[in-house]
Amino acid sequence: MKIRDVYITDFIRTPFSRSRPREPPRDVFGNIRPDELAALTLIDMFDNRLKGKVKPEDVDEFIIGATHFNYEHIAFGGRYSLFLAKFPSKISSIALDRQCGSAMTCASIGFTNIALGNS
């Protein structure tokens, strides 16, 4: 088996702010669920940054990390964000919580899966 070269050419992340549930005016994303925020990020990425280069149908696997999963994220392993973004239902997903290392772990898993031909 030949290991494929893999390159990260761009990245995007969900915006974040400090959670202040007791001070709604200061809680920028307090009324948006995390899965909705991830879906909005996916929509923006594919409609703007990747337009004409990669389509949602080209995605084999979705890997998402967070420091604290809640609501639909924990029950559906990140798939709910895909559904909200209207991505094809054939895409498998992985959700992981590695505290401050989630993003790097997601990138590592994705890199490895692509390099070995698993995605």
N, C-alpha and C. Protein backbone atom coordinates (compact mmCIF):
# COMPACT_ATOMS: atom_id res chain seq x y z
N MET A 1 0.84 -1.18 0.00
CA MET A 1 0.00 0.00 0.00
C MET A 1 0.89 1.25 0.00
N LYS A 2 0.55 2.17 -0.86
CA LYS A 2 1.28 3.43 -0.92
C LYS A 2 0.54 4.47 -0.07
N ILE A 3 1.28 5.11 0.80
CA ILE A 3 0.69 6.16 1.64
C ILE A 3 0.60 7.43 0.80
N ARG A 4 -0.57 8.03 0.79
CA ARG A 4 -0.81 9.24 0.01
C ARG A 4 -0.30 10.48 0.75
N ASP A 5 0.16 11.46 -0.02
CA ASP A 5 0.50 12.76 0.57
C ASP A 5 -0.79 13.49 0.91
N VAL A 6 -0.79 14.18 2.02
CA VAL A 6 -1.97 14.93 2.47
C VAL A 6 -1.52 16.35 2.82
N TYR A 7 -2.30 17.33 2.38
CA TYR A 7 -1.97 18.73 2.65
C TYR A 7 -3.19 19.44 3.20
N ILE A 8 -2.99 20.26 4.20
CA ILE A 8 -4.05 21.16 4.66
C ILE A 8 -3.84 22.46 3.92
N THR A 9 -4.83 22.84 3.12
CA THR A 9 -4.69 24.06 2.33
C THR A 9 -5.49 25.22 2.89
N ASP A 10 -6.39 24.93 3.80
CA ASP A 10 -7.22 25.96 4.41
C ASP A 10 -7.89 25.36 5.64
N PHE A 11 -8.41 26.20 6.48
CA PHE A 11 -9.14 25.71 7.64
C PHE A 11 -10.17 26.76 8.05
N ILE A 12 -11.13 26.31 8.81
CA ILE A 12 -12.14 27.22 9.34
C ILE A 12 -12.63 26.63 10.66
N ARG A 13 -13.01 27.48 11.57
CA ARG A 13 -13.52 27.00 12.85
C ARG A 13 -14.76 27.79 13.21
N THR A 14 -15.53 27.23 14.12
CA THR A 14 -16.70 27.97 14.57
C THR A 14 -16.24 29.14 15.42
N PRO A 15 -16.96 30.24 15.36
CA PRO A 15 -16.63 31.34 16.26
C PRO A 15 -16.95 30.93 17.70
N PHE A 16 -16.34 31.59 18.62
CA PHE A 16 -16.60 31.26 20.02
C PHE A 16 -16.55 32.53 20.87
N SER A 17 -17.15 32.46 22.01
CA SER A 17 -17.07 33.55 22.98
C SER A 17 -17.23 32.93 24.36
N ARG A 18 -17.01 33.72 25.34
CA ARG A 18 -17.19 33.23 26.71
C ARG A 18 -18.68 33.07 26.98
N SER A 19 -19.05 31.95 27.54
CA SER A 19 -20.45 31.70 27.87
C SER A 19 -20.84 32.48 29.12
N ARG A 20 -21.92 33.23 29.00
CA ARG A 20 -22.44 34.00 30.14
C ARG A 20 -23.95 33.84 30.20
N PRO A 21 -24.44 32.64 30.55
CA PRO A 21 -25.89 32.41 30.54
C PRO A 21 -26.67 33.33 31.47
N ARG A 22 -26.04 33.83 32.51
CA ARG A 22 -26.74 34.73 33.45
C ARG A 22 -26.72 36.18 32.98
N GLU A 23 -25.96 36.45 31.93
CA GLU A 23 -25.87 37.80 31.37
C GLU A 23 -26.11 37.73 29.86
N PRO A 24 -27.34 37.45 29.44
CA PRO A 24 -27.62 37.28 28.01
C PRO A 24 -27.09 38.38 27.09
N PRO A 25 -27.14 39.66 27.47
CA PRO A 25 -26.61 40.67 26.54
C PRO A 25 -25.11 40.50 26.25
N ARG A 26 -24.39 39.87 27.17
CA ARG A 26 -22.95 39.68 26.98
C ARG A 26 -22.61 38.30 26.41
N ASP A 27 -23.60 37.44 26.24
CA ASP A 27 -23.38 36.08 25.74
C ASP A 27 -23.70 36.06 24.25
N VAL A 28 -22.70 36.34 23.44
CA VAL A 28 -22.87 36.54 22.00
C VAL A 28 -23.60 35.38 21.31
N PHE A 29 -23.25 34.16 21.65
CA PHE A 29 -23.85 33.00 20.99
C PHE A 29 -24.79 32.23 21.91
N GLY A 30 -25.28 32.88 22.94
CA GLY A 30 -26.12 32.22 23.94
C GLY A 30 -27.40 31.62 23.40
N ASN A 31 -27.93 32.16 22.31
CA ASN A 31 -29.19 31.66 21.75
C ASN A 31 -28.98 30.72 20.57
N ILE A 32 -27.74 30.36 20.30
CA ILE A 32 -27.44 29.47 19.18
C ILE A 32 -26.86 28.17 19.74
N ARG A 33 -27.48 27.05 19.40
CA ARG A 33 -26.96 25.75 19.85
C ARG A 33 -25.63 25.46 19.14
N PRO A 34 -24.75 24.71 19.77
CA PRO A 34 -23.46 24.39 19.14
C PRO A 34 -23.59 23.67 17.79
N ASP A 35 -24.56 22.78 17.67
CA ASP A 35 -24.73 22.08 16.39
C ASP A 35 -25.20 23.03 15.29
N GLU A 36 -25.98 24.05 15.66
CA GLU A 36 -26.41 25.06 14.69
C GLU A 36 -25.21 25.91 14.26
N LEU A 37 -24.36 26.27 15.20
CA LEU A 37 -23.18 27.07 14.90
C LEU A 37 -22.24 26.29 13.97
N ALA A 38 -22.06 25.00 14.24
CA ALA A 38 -21.22 24.17 13.36
C ALA A 38 -21.84 24.07 11.96
N ALA A 39 -23.15 23.94 11.89
CA ALA A 39 -23.83 23.87 10.59
C ALA A 39 -23.63 25.16 9.81
N LEU A 40 -23.77 26.30 10.47
CA LEU A 40 -23.55 27.59 9.80
C LEU A 40 -22.12 27.71 9.29
N THR A 41 -21.18 27.19 10.05
CA THR A 41 -19.78 27.21 9.64
C THR A 41 -19.57 26.33 8.40
N LEU A 42 -20.18 25.15 8.39
CA LEU A 42 -20.09 24.26 7.22
C LEU A 42 -20.69 24.91 5.98
N ILE A 43 -21.86 25.51 6.15
CA ILE A 43 -22.53 26.17 5.02
C ILE A 43 -21.64 27.27 4.46
N ASP A 44 -21.08 28.10 5.34
CA ASP A 44 -20.20 29.18 4.89
C ASP A 44 -18.97 28.63 4.17
N MET A 45 -18.38 27.59 4.73
CA MET A 45 -17.18 27.02 4.14
C MET A 45 -17.44 26.51 2.73
N PHE A 46 -18.53 25.78 2.53
CA PHE A 46 -18.80 25.19 1.22
C PHE A 46 -19.42 26.18 0.24
N ASP A 47 -20.19 27.14 0.72
CA ASP A 47 -20.81 28.12 -0.18
C ASP A 47 -19.85 29.24 -0.57
N ASN A 48 -18.83 29.48 0.22
CA ASN A 48 -17.93 30.60 -0.05
C ASN A 48 -16.49 30.16 -0.28
N ARG A 49 -15.87 29.60 0.73
CA ARG A 49 -14.44 29.29 0.66
C ARG A 49 -14.12 28.15 -0.31
N LEU A 50 -14.98 27.15 -0.39
CA LEU A 50 -14.71 25.99 -1.23
C LEU A 50 -15.56 25.95 -2.50
N LYS A 51 -16.29 27.01 -2.76
CA LYS A 51 -17.21 27.03 -3.91
C LYS A 51 -16.46 26.72 -5.21
N GLY A 52 -16.98 25.75 -5.94
CA GLY A 52 -16.37 25.36 -7.20
C GLY A 52 -15.18 24.41 -7.05
N LYS A 53 -14.77 24.13 -5.82
CA LYS A 53 -13.62 23.25 -5.59
C LYS A 53 -14.05 21.91 -4.99
N VAL A 54 -14.85 21.97 -3.94
CA VAL A 54 -15.31 20.76 -3.25
C VAL A 54 -16.79 20.93 -2.96
N LYS A 55 -17.56 19.86 -3.22
CA LYS A 55 -19.00 19.88 -2.93
C LYS A 55 -19.27 19.01 -1.71
N PRO A 56 -20.35 19.26 -1.00
CA PRO A 56 -20.70 18.40 0.13
C PRO A 56 -20.77 16.92 -0.25
N GLU A 57 -21.17 16.62 -1.49
CA GLU A 57 -21.26 15.24 -1.95
C GLU A 57 -19.89 14.56 -2.01
N ASP A 58 -18.82 15.35 -2.06
CA ASP A 58 -17.46 14.81 -2.13
C ASP A 58 -16.91 14.39 -0.77
N VAL A 59 -17.59 14.75 0.29
CA VAL A 59 -17.11 14.47 1.65
C VAL A 59 -17.41 13.02 2.02
N ASP A 60 -16.39 12.31 2.50
CA ASP A 60 -16.55 10.92 2.95
C ASP A 60 -16.80 10.83 4.44
N GLU A 61 -16.18 11.74 5.19
CA GLU A 61 -16.24 11.63 6.64
C GLU A 61 -16.17 13.03 7.26
N PHE A 62 -16.91 13.23 8.33
CA PHE A 62 -16.95 14.50 9.05
C PHE A 62 -16.43 14.25 10.45
N ILE A 63 -15.38 14.98 10.84
CA ILE A 63 -14.79 14.81 12.16
C ILE A 63 -14.88 16.15 12.88
N ILE A 64 -15.51 16.15 14.04
CA ILE A 64 -15.69 17.39 14.79
C ILE A 64 -15.24 17.19 16.23
N GLY A 65 -14.58 18.20 16.77
CA GLY A 65 -14.13 18.15 18.15
C GLY A 65 -14.66 19.33 18.92
N ALA A 66 -14.83 19.14 20.20
CA ALA A 66 -15.29 20.20 21.08
C ALA A 66 -14.82 19.90 22.49
N THR A 67 -14.85 20.91 23.33
CA THR A 67 -14.43 20.69 24.71
C THR A 67 -15.58 20.25 25.60
N HIS A 68 -16.79 20.44 25.13
CA HIS A 68 -17.95 19.99 25.93
C HIS A 68 -19.14 19.82 24.99
N PHE A 69 -19.41 18.58 24.63
CA PHE A 69 -20.55 18.33 23.76
C PHE A 69 -21.83 18.35 24.58
N ASN A 70 -22.87 18.90 23.99
CA ASN A 70 -24.18 18.87 24.65
C ASN A 70 -25.27 18.86 23.58
N TYR A 71 -26.48 18.78 24.03
CA TYR A 71 -27.64 18.72 23.14
C TYR A 71 -27.49 17.57 22.14
N GLU A 72 -27.81 17.82 20.87
CA GLU A 72 -27.81 16.77 19.87
C GLU A 72 -26.42 16.27 19.52
N HIS A 73 -25.41 17.09 19.73
CA HIS A 73 -24.05 16.68 19.37
C HIS A 73 -23.64 15.39 20.05
N ILE A 74 -23.89 15.29 21.32
CA ILE A 74 -23.42 14.13 22.07
C ILE A 74 -24.16 12.86 21.64
N ALA A 75 -25.42 12.98 21.33
CA ALA A 75 -26.21 11.79 20.97
C ALA A 75 -25.96 11.32 19.54
N PHE A 76 -25.62 12.22 18.65
CA PHE A 76 -25.50 11.87 17.24
C PHE A 76 -24.08 11.98 16.68
N GLY A 77 -23.10 12.14 17.51
CA GLY A 77 -21.71 12.14 17.04
C GLY A 77 -21.39 13.15 15.97
N GLY A 78 -21.97 14.32 16.04
CA GLY A 78 -21.69 15.36 15.06
C GLY A 78 -22.58 15.34 13.82
N ARG A 79 -23.37 14.30 13.64
CA ARG A 79 -24.20 14.20 12.43
C ARG A 79 -25.28 15.27 12.35
N TYR A 80 -25.76 15.73 13.48
CA TYR A 80 -26.84 16.70 13.45
C TYR A 80 -26.41 17.98 12.74
N SER A 81 -25.15 18.37 12.90
CA SER A 81 -24.64 19.54 12.18
C SER A 81 -24.70 19.32 10.68
N LEU A 82 -24.38 18.10 10.25
CA LEU A 82 -24.47 17.78 8.82
C LEU A 82 -25.90 17.86 8.32
N PHE A 83 -26.84 17.34 9.11
CA PHE A 83 -28.25 17.39 8.72
C PHE A 83 -28.73 18.83 8.62
N LEU A 84 -28.37 19.66 9.61
CA LEU A 84 -28.79 21.06 9.60
C LEU A 84 -28.20 21.82 8.41
N ALA A 85 -26.99 21.43 7.99
CA ALA A 85 -26.34 22.07 6.84
C ALA A 85 -26.81 21.48 5.51
N LYS A 86 -27.72 20.47 5.58
CA LYS A 86 -28.27 19.81 4.41
C LYS A 86 -27.21 19.06 3.59
N PHE A 87 -26.28 18.45 4.29
CA PHE A 87 -25.28 17.60 3.65
C PHE A 87 -25.90 16.22 3.40
N PRO A 88 -25.34 15.45 2.47
CA PRO A 88 -25.88 14.11 2.21
C PRO A 88 -25.85 13.23 3.46
N SER A 89 -26.86 12.41 3.62
CA SER A 89 -26.95 11.56 4.81
C SER A 89 -25.96 10.39 4.78
N LYS A 90 -25.30 10.17 3.65
CA LYS A 90 -24.33 9.07 3.54
C LYS A 90 -23.01 9.35 4.27
N ILE A 91 -22.78 10.59 4.67
CA ILE A 91 -21.50 10.97 5.29
C ILE A 91 -21.44 10.46 6.72
N SER A 92 -20.39 9.70 7.02
CA SER A 92 -20.21 9.24 8.39
C SER A 92 -19.57 10.36 9.21
N SER A 93 -19.69 10.26 10.53
CA SER A 93 -19.14 11.33 11.36
C SER A 93 -18.54 10.77 12.64
N ILE A 94 -17.61 11.53 13.16
CA ILE A 94 -16.96 11.24 14.44
C ILE A 94 -16.98 12.52 15.25
N ALA A 95 -17.35 12.42 16.51
CA ALA A 95 -17.26 13.57 17.42
C ALA A 95 -16.36 13.17 18.57
N LEU A 96 -15.43 14.04 18.92
CA LEU A 96 -14.56 13.71 20.03
C LEU A 96 -14.32 14.91 20.93
N ASP A 97 -14.07 14.60 22.18
CA ASP A 97 -13.81 15.62 23.20
C ASP A 97 -12.42 15.36 23.75
N ARG A 98 -11.50 16.25 23.45
CA ARG A 98 -10.14 16.12 23.93
C ARG A 98 -9.73 17.41 24.62
N GLN A 99 -10.71 18.10 25.17
CA GLN A 99 -10.48 19.39 25.81
C GLN A 99 -9.74 20.30 24.85
N CYS A 100 -8.60 20.83 25.19
CA CYS A 100 -7.93 21.80 24.33
C CYS A 100 -7.22 21.18 23.13
N GLY A 101 -7.21 19.86 23.03
CA GLY A 101 -6.53 19.20 21.92
C GLY A 101 -7.45 18.63 20.86
N SER A 102 -8.74 18.95 20.93
CA SER A 102 -9.71 18.36 20.00
C SER A 102 -9.40 18.67 18.54
N ALA A 103 -9.09 19.90 18.22
CA ALA A 103 -8.85 20.28 16.82
C ALA A 103 -7.66 19.54 16.25
N MET A 104 -6.57 19.47 16.99
CA MET A 104 -5.38 18.77 16.50
C MET A 104 -5.63 17.27 16.37
N THR A 105 -6.40 16.70 17.29
CA THR A 105 -6.71 15.27 17.20
C THR A 105 -7.59 15.00 15.99
N CYS A 106 -8.57 15.86 15.73
CA CYS A 106 -9.42 15.71 14.55
C CYS A 106 -8.58 15.78 13.28
N ALA A 107 -7.67 16.76 13.21
CA ALA A 107 -6.80 16.89 12.04
C ALA A 107 -5.94 15.65 11.87
N SER A 108 -5.41 15.13 12.96
CA SER A 108 -4.56 13.94 12.91
C SER A 108 -5.33 12.72 12.41
N ILE A 109 -6.54 12.51 12.92
CA ILE A 109 -7.37 11.39 12.47
C ILE A 109 -7.70 11.54 10.98
N GLY A 110 -8.11 12.74 10.58
CA GLY A 110 -8.43 12.99 9.18
C GLY A 110 -7.23 12.77 8.27
N PHE A 111 -6.09 13.31 8.67
CA PHE A 111 -4.84 13.14 7.92
C PHE A 111 -4.53 11.66 7.72
N THR A 112 -4.57 10.91 8.81
CA THR A 112 -4.25 9.49 8.77
C THR A 112 -5.22 8.72 7.88
N ASN A 113 -6.51 8.99 8.03
CA ASN A 113 -7.51 8.29 7.21
C ASN A 113 -7.33 8.56 5.72
N ILE A 114 -7.03 9.80 5.37
CA ILE A 114 -6.81 10.13 3.96
C ILE A 114 -5.52 9.49 3.46
N ALA A 115 -4.44 9.62 4.22
CA ALA A 115 -3.14 9.07 3.81
C ALA A 115 -3.20 7.56 3.58
N LEU A 116 -3.96 6.87 4.40
CA LEU A 116 -4.04 5.41 4.29
C LEU A 116 -5.16 4.93 3.36
N GLY A 117 -5.88 5.88 2.76
CA GLY A 117 -6.94 5.52 1.83
C GLY A 117 -8.23 5.09 2.49
N ASN A 118 -8.40 5.42 3.75
CA ASN A 118 -9.63 5.06 4.47
C ASN A 118 -10.73 6.11 4.33
N SER A 119 -10.42 7.24 3.78
CA SER A 119 -11.42 8.29 3.53
C SER A 119 -11.13 8.92 2.19
